[in-house]
PDB file of N, CA and C in Angstrom:
ATOM      1  N   GLY A   1       1.662 -15.831  -6.592  1.00  0.00           N
ATOM      2  CA  GLY A   1       1.177 -17.140  -6.849  1.00  0.00           C
ATOM      3  C   GLY A   1       0.013 -17.118  -7.834  1.00  0.00           C
ATOM      4  N   PRO A   2      -0.563 -18.231  -8.147  1.00  0.00           N
ATOM      5  CA  PRO A   2      -1.642 -18.307  -9.118  1.00  0.00           C
ATOM      6  C   PRO A   2      -2.898 -17.551  -8.691  1.00  0.00           C
ATOM      7  N   ALA A   3      -3.095 -17.374  -7.394  1.00  0.00           N
ATOM      8  CA  ALA A   3      -4.270 -16.628  -6.913  1.00  0.00           C
ATOM      9  C   ALA A   3      -4.024 -15.126  -6.904  1.00  0.00           C
ATOM     10  N   GLY A   4      -2.763 -14.703  -7.076  1.00  0.00           N
ATOM     11  CA  GLY A   4      -2.419 -13.287  -7.071  1.00  0.00           C
ATOM     12  C   GLY A   4      -1.542 -12.941  -5.883  1.00  0.00           C
ATOM     13  N   SER A   5      -1.252 -11.649  -5.742  1.00  0.00           N
ATOM     14  CA  SER A   5      -0.416 -11.198  -4.636  1.00  0.00           C
ATOM     15  C   SER A   5      -0.772  -9.763  -4.270  1.00  0.00           C
ATOM     16  N   PHE A   6      -0.236  -9.316  -3.140  1.00  0.00           N
ATOM     17  CA  PHE A   6      -0.462  -7.942  -2.716  1.00  0.00           C
ATOM     18  C   PHE A   6       0.713  -7.470  -1.873  1.00  0.00           C
ATOM     19  N   SER A   7       0.880  -6.149  -1.770  1.00  0.00           N
ATOM     20  CA  SER A   7       1.891  -5.543  -0.906  1.00  0.00           C
ATOM     21  C   SER A   7       1.172  -4.811   0.206  1.00  0.00           C
ATOM     22  N   GLN A   8       1.618  -5.059   1.425  1.00  0.00           N
ATOM     23  CA  GLN A   8       0.966  -4.475   2.595  1.00  0.00           C
ATOM     24  C   GLN A   8       2.043  -3.916   3.515  1.00  0.00           C
ATOM     25  N   ARG A   9       1.807  -2.720   4.041  1.00  0.00           N
ATOM     26  CA  ARG A   9       2.779  -2.142   4.970  1.00  0.00           C
ATOM     27  C   ARG A   9       2.521  -2.666   6.379  1.00  0.00           C
ATOM     28  N   ALA A  10       3.524  -2.549   7.218  1.00  0.00           N
ATOM     29  CA  ALA A  10       3.380  -2.929   8.624  1.00  0.00           C
ATOM     30  C   ALA A  10       2.556  -1.868   9.358  1.00  0.00           C
ATOM     31  N   GLU A  11       2.035  -2.233  10.508  1.00  0.00           N
ATOM     32  CA  GLU A  11       1.308  -1.284  11.346  1.00  0.00           C
ATOM     33  C   GLU A  11       2.272  -0.179  11.780  1.00  0.00           C
ATOM     34  N   LEU A  12       1.794   1.067  11.785  1.00  0.00           N
ATOM     35  CA  LEU A  12       2.644   2.186  12.188  1.00  0.00           C
ATOM     36  C   LEU A  12       2.846   2.187  13.698  1.00  0.00           C
ATOM     37  N   SER A  13       4.049   2.572  14.102  1.00  0.00           N
ATOM     38  CA  SER A  13       4.327   2.694  15.532  1.00  0.00           C
ATOM     39  C   SER A  13       3.774   4.023  16.043  1.00  0.00           C
ATOM     40  N   THR A  14       3.726   4.170  17.337  1.00  0.00           N
ATOM     41  CA  THR A  14       3.271   5.422  17.943  1.00  0.00           C
ATOM     42  C   THR A  14       4.160   6.576  17.499  1.00  0.00           C
ATOM     43  N   THR A  15       5.468   6.338  17.431  1.00  0.00           N
ATOM     44  CA  THR A  15       6.411   7.371  16.994  1.00  0.00           C
ATOM     45  C   THR A  15       6.155   7.763  15.544  1.00  0.00           C
ATOM     46  N   GLN A  16       5.939   6.787  14.677  1.00  0.00           N
ATOM     47  CA  GLN A  16       5.667   7.082  13.270  1.00  0.00           C
ATOM     48  C   GLN A  16       4.376   7.883  13.118  1.00  0.00           C
ATOM     49  N   ARG A  17       3.358   7.512  13.862  1.00  0.00           N
ATOM     50  CA  ARG A  17       2.089   8.259  13.821  1.00  0.00           C
ATOM     51  C   ARG A  17       2.296   9.702  14.274  1.00  0.00           C
ATOM     52  N   ALA A  18       3.101   9.898  15.310  1.00  0.00           N
ATOM     53  CA  ALA A  18       3.375  11.241  15.817  1.00  0.00           C
ATOM     54  C   ALA A  18       4.116  12.082  14.778  1.00  0.00           C
ATOM     55  N   ILE A  19       5.066  11.478  14.089  1.00  0.00           N
ATOM     56  CA  ILE A  19       5.813  12.192  13.043  1.00  0.00           C
ATOM     57  C   ILE A  19       4.872  12.603  11.916  1.00  0.00           C
ATOM     58  N   LEU A  20       4.036  11.682  11.456  1.00  0.00           N
ATOM     59  CA  LEU A  20       3.087  12.003  10.388  1.00  0.00           C
ATOM     60  C   LEU A  20       2.131  13.109  10.820  1.00  0.00           C
ATOM     61  N   ALA A  21       1.664  13.053  12.049  1.00  0.00           N
ATOM     62  CA  ALA A  21       0.752  14.081  12.557  1.00  0.00           C
ATOM     63  C   ALA A  21       1.453  15.432  12.619  1.00  0.00           C
ATOM     64  N   ARG A  22       2.684  15.444  13.097  1.00  0.00           N
ATOM     65  CA  ARG A  22       3.459  16.695  13.203  1.00  0.00           C
ATOM     66  C   ARG A  22       3.680  17.314  11.823  1.00  0.00           C
ATOM     67  N   LEU A  23       3.873  16.476  10.822  1.00  0.00           N
ATOM     68  CA  LEU A  23       4.079  16.948   9.444  1.00  0.00           C
ATOM     69  C   LEU A  23       2.758  17.165   8.706  1.00  0.00           C
ATOM     70  N   GLU A  24       1.647  16.893   9.388  1.00  0.00           N
ATOM     71  CA  GLU A  24       0.309  17.017   8.807  1.00  0.00           C
ATOM     72  C   GLU A  24       0.151  16.154   7.556  1.00  0.00           C
ATOM     73  N   LEU A  25       0.650  14.920   7.650  1.00  0.00           N
ATOM     74  CA  LEU A  25       0.560  13.952   6.558  1.00  0.00           C
ATOM     75  C   LEU A  25      -0.373  12.818   6.959  1.00  0.00           C
ATOM     76  N   ALA A  26      -1.110  12.325   5.984  1.00  0.00           N
ATOM     77  CA  ALA A  26      -1.993  11.180   6.217  1.00  0.00           C
ATOM     78  C   ALA A  26      -1.165   9.898   6.265  1.00  0.00           C
ATOM     79  N   GLU A  27      -1.692   8.902   6.956  1.00  0.00           N
ATOM     80  CA  GLU A  27      -1.038   7.597   6.952  1.00  0.00           C
ATOM     81  C   GLU A  27      -1.074   7.028   5.540  1.00  0.00           C
ATOM     82  N   PRO A  28      -0.017   6.316   5.113  1.00  0.00           N
ATOM     83  CA  PRO A  28      -0.067   5.662   3.807  1.00  0.00           C
ATOM     84  C   PRO A  28      -1.098   4.538   3.834  1.00  0.00           C
ATOM     85  N   PRO A  29      -1.600   4.137   2.665  1.00  0.00           N
ATOM     86  CA  PRO A  29      -2.581   3.048   2.640  1.00  0.00           C
ATOM     87  C   PRO A  29      -1.988   1.751   3.189  1.00  0.00           C
ATOM     88  N   ARG A  30      -2.805   0.975   3.857  1.00  0.00           N
ATOM     89  CA  ARG A  30      -2.350  -0.301   4.437  1.00  0.00           C
ATOM     90  C   ARG A  30      -1.936  -1.272   3.331  1.00  0.00           C
ATOM     91  N   ILE A  31      -2.737  -1.360   2.271  1.00  0.00           N
ATOM     92  CA  ILE A  31      -2.414  -2.206   1.118  1.00  0.00           C
ATOM     93  C   ILE A  31      -2.107  -1.277  -0.048  1.00  0.00           C
ATOM     94  N   SER A  32      -0.899  -1.414  -0.632  1.00  0.00           N
ATOM     95  CA  SER A  32      -0.478  -0.490  -1.682  1.00  0.00           C
ATOM     96  C   SER A  32      -0.539  -1.080  -3.083  1.00  0.00           C
ATOM     97  N   GLU A  33      -0.509  -2.389  -3.219  1.00  0.00           N
ATOM     98  CA  GLU A  33      -0.535  -3.018  -4.542  1.00  0.00           C
ATOM     99  C   GLU A  33      -1.353  -4.301  -4.504  1.00  0.00           C
ATOM    100  N   LEU A  34      -2.111  -4.515  -5.569  1.00  0.00           N
ATOM    101  CA  LEU A  34      -2.875  -5.755  -5.728  1.00  0.00           C
ATOM    102  C   LEU A  34      -2.566  -6.343  -7.092  1.00  0.00           C
ATOM    103  N   GLN A  35      -2.373  -7.625  -7.159  1.00  0.00           N
ATOM    104  CA  GLN A  35      -2.160  -8.294  -8.440  1.00  0.00           C
ATOM    105  C   GLN A  35      -2.943  -9.598  -8.439  1.00  0.00           C
ATOM    106  N   PRO A  36      -4.201  -9.551  -8.906  1.00  0.00           N
ATOM    107  CA  PRO A  36      -4.985 -10.783  -8.994  1.00  0.00           C
ATOM    108  C   PRO A  36      -4.320 -11.774  -9.945  1.00  0.00           C
ATOM    109  N   GLY A  37      -4.478 -13.049  -9.711  1.00  0.00           N
ATOM    110  CA  GLY A  37      -3.901 -14.072 -10.573  1.00  0.00           C
ATOM    111  C   GLY A  37      -4.357 -13.926 -12.015  1.00  0.00           C
ATOM    112  N   GLY A  38      -3.417 -13.955 -12.951  1.00  0.00           N
ATOM    113  CA  GLY A  38      -3.725 -13.877 -14.369  1.00  0.00           C
ATOM    114  C   GLY A  38      -4.246 -12.533 -14.832  1.00  0.00           C
ATOM    115  N   ALA A  39      -4.145 -11.507 -14.013  1.00  0.00           N
ATOM    116  CA  ALA A  39      -4.660 -10.180 -14.378  1.00  0.00           C
ATOM    117  C   ALA A  39      -3.517  -9.175 -14.454  1.00  0.00           C
ATOM    118  N   ARG A  40      -3.866  -7.981 -14.899  1.00  0.00           N
ATOM    119  CA  ARG A  40      -2.880  -6.911 -14.974  1.00  0.00           C
ATOM    120  C   ARG A  40      -2.539  -6.418 -13.575  1.00  0.00           C
ATOM    121  N   PHE A  41      -1.359  -5.821 -13.452  1.00  0.00           N
ATOM    122  CA  PHE A  41      -0.864  -5.290 -12.185  1.00  0.00           C
ATOM    123  C   PHE A  41      -1.625  -4.029 -11.823  1.00  0.00           C
ATOM    124  N   LEU A  42      -2.113  -3.927 -10.593  1.00  0.00           N
ATOM    125  CA  LEU A  42      -2.850  -2.759 -10.123  1.00  0.00           C
ATOM    126  C   LEU A  42      -2.135  -2.181  -8.917  1.00  0.00           C
ATOM    127  N   SER A  43      -1.663  -0.932  -9.050  1.00  0.00           N
ATOM    128  CA  SER A  43      -1.046  -0.231  -7.933  1.00  0.00           C
ATOM    129  C   SER A  43      -2.058   0.753  -7.382  1.00  0.00           C
ATOM    130  N   LEU A  44      -2.289   0.733  -6.084  1.00  0.00           N
ATOM    131  CA  LEU A  44      -3.228   1.661  -5.468  1.00  0.00           C
ATOM    132  C   LEU A  44      -2.600   3.029  -5.269  1.00  0.00           C
ATOM    133  N   THR A  45      -1.306   3.157  -5.581  1.00  0.00           N
ATOM    134  CA  THR A  45      -0.624   4.437  -5.435  1.00  0.00           C
ATOM    135  C   THR A  45      -0.173   5.000  -6.780  1.00  0.00           C
ATOM    136  N   GLY A  46      -0.535   4.366  -7.885  1.00  0.00           N
ATOM    137  CA  GLY A  46      -0.120   4.846  -9.198  1.00  0.00           C
ATOM    138  C   GLY A  46      -1.008   4.298 -10.295  1.00  0.00           C
ATOM    139  N   PRO A  47      -0.636   4.530 -11.555  1.00  0.00           N
ATOM    140  CA  PRO A  47      -1.461   4.098 -12.687  1.00  0.00           C
ATOM    141  C   PRO A  47      -1.421   2.582 -12.908  1.00  0.00           C
ATOM    142  N   LEU A  48      -2.417   2.085 -13.614  1.00  0.00           N
ATOM    143  CA  LEU A  48      -2.493   0.676 -13.983  1.00  0.00           C
ATOM    144  C   LEU A  48      -1.340   0.345 -14.917  1.00  0.00           C
ATOM    145  N   GLN A  49      -0.691  -0.785 -14.685  1.00  0.00           N
ATOM    146  CA  GLN A  49       0.463  -1.191 -15.484  1.00  0.00           C
ATOM    147  C   GLN A  49       0.228  -2.568 -16.078  1.00  0.00           C
ATOM    148  N   ALA A  50       0.847  -2.801 -17.235  1.00  0.00           N
ATOM    149  CA  ALA A  50       0.734  -4.114 -17.885  1.00  0.00           C
ATOM    150  C   ALA A  50       1.686  -5.096 -17.268  1.00  0.00           C
TER     151      ALA A  50
END
């Protein structure tokens, strides 16, 4: 929308947390992408994109 948008993952389940812990992996970020209105696209998991 005109104010911007964002991508957010759902809360991890107990099973998902256990799998990540067993694999010694960190939880993914809660918010992965931000796009302020009228601005360039910003991914928190990759490079800035036009």
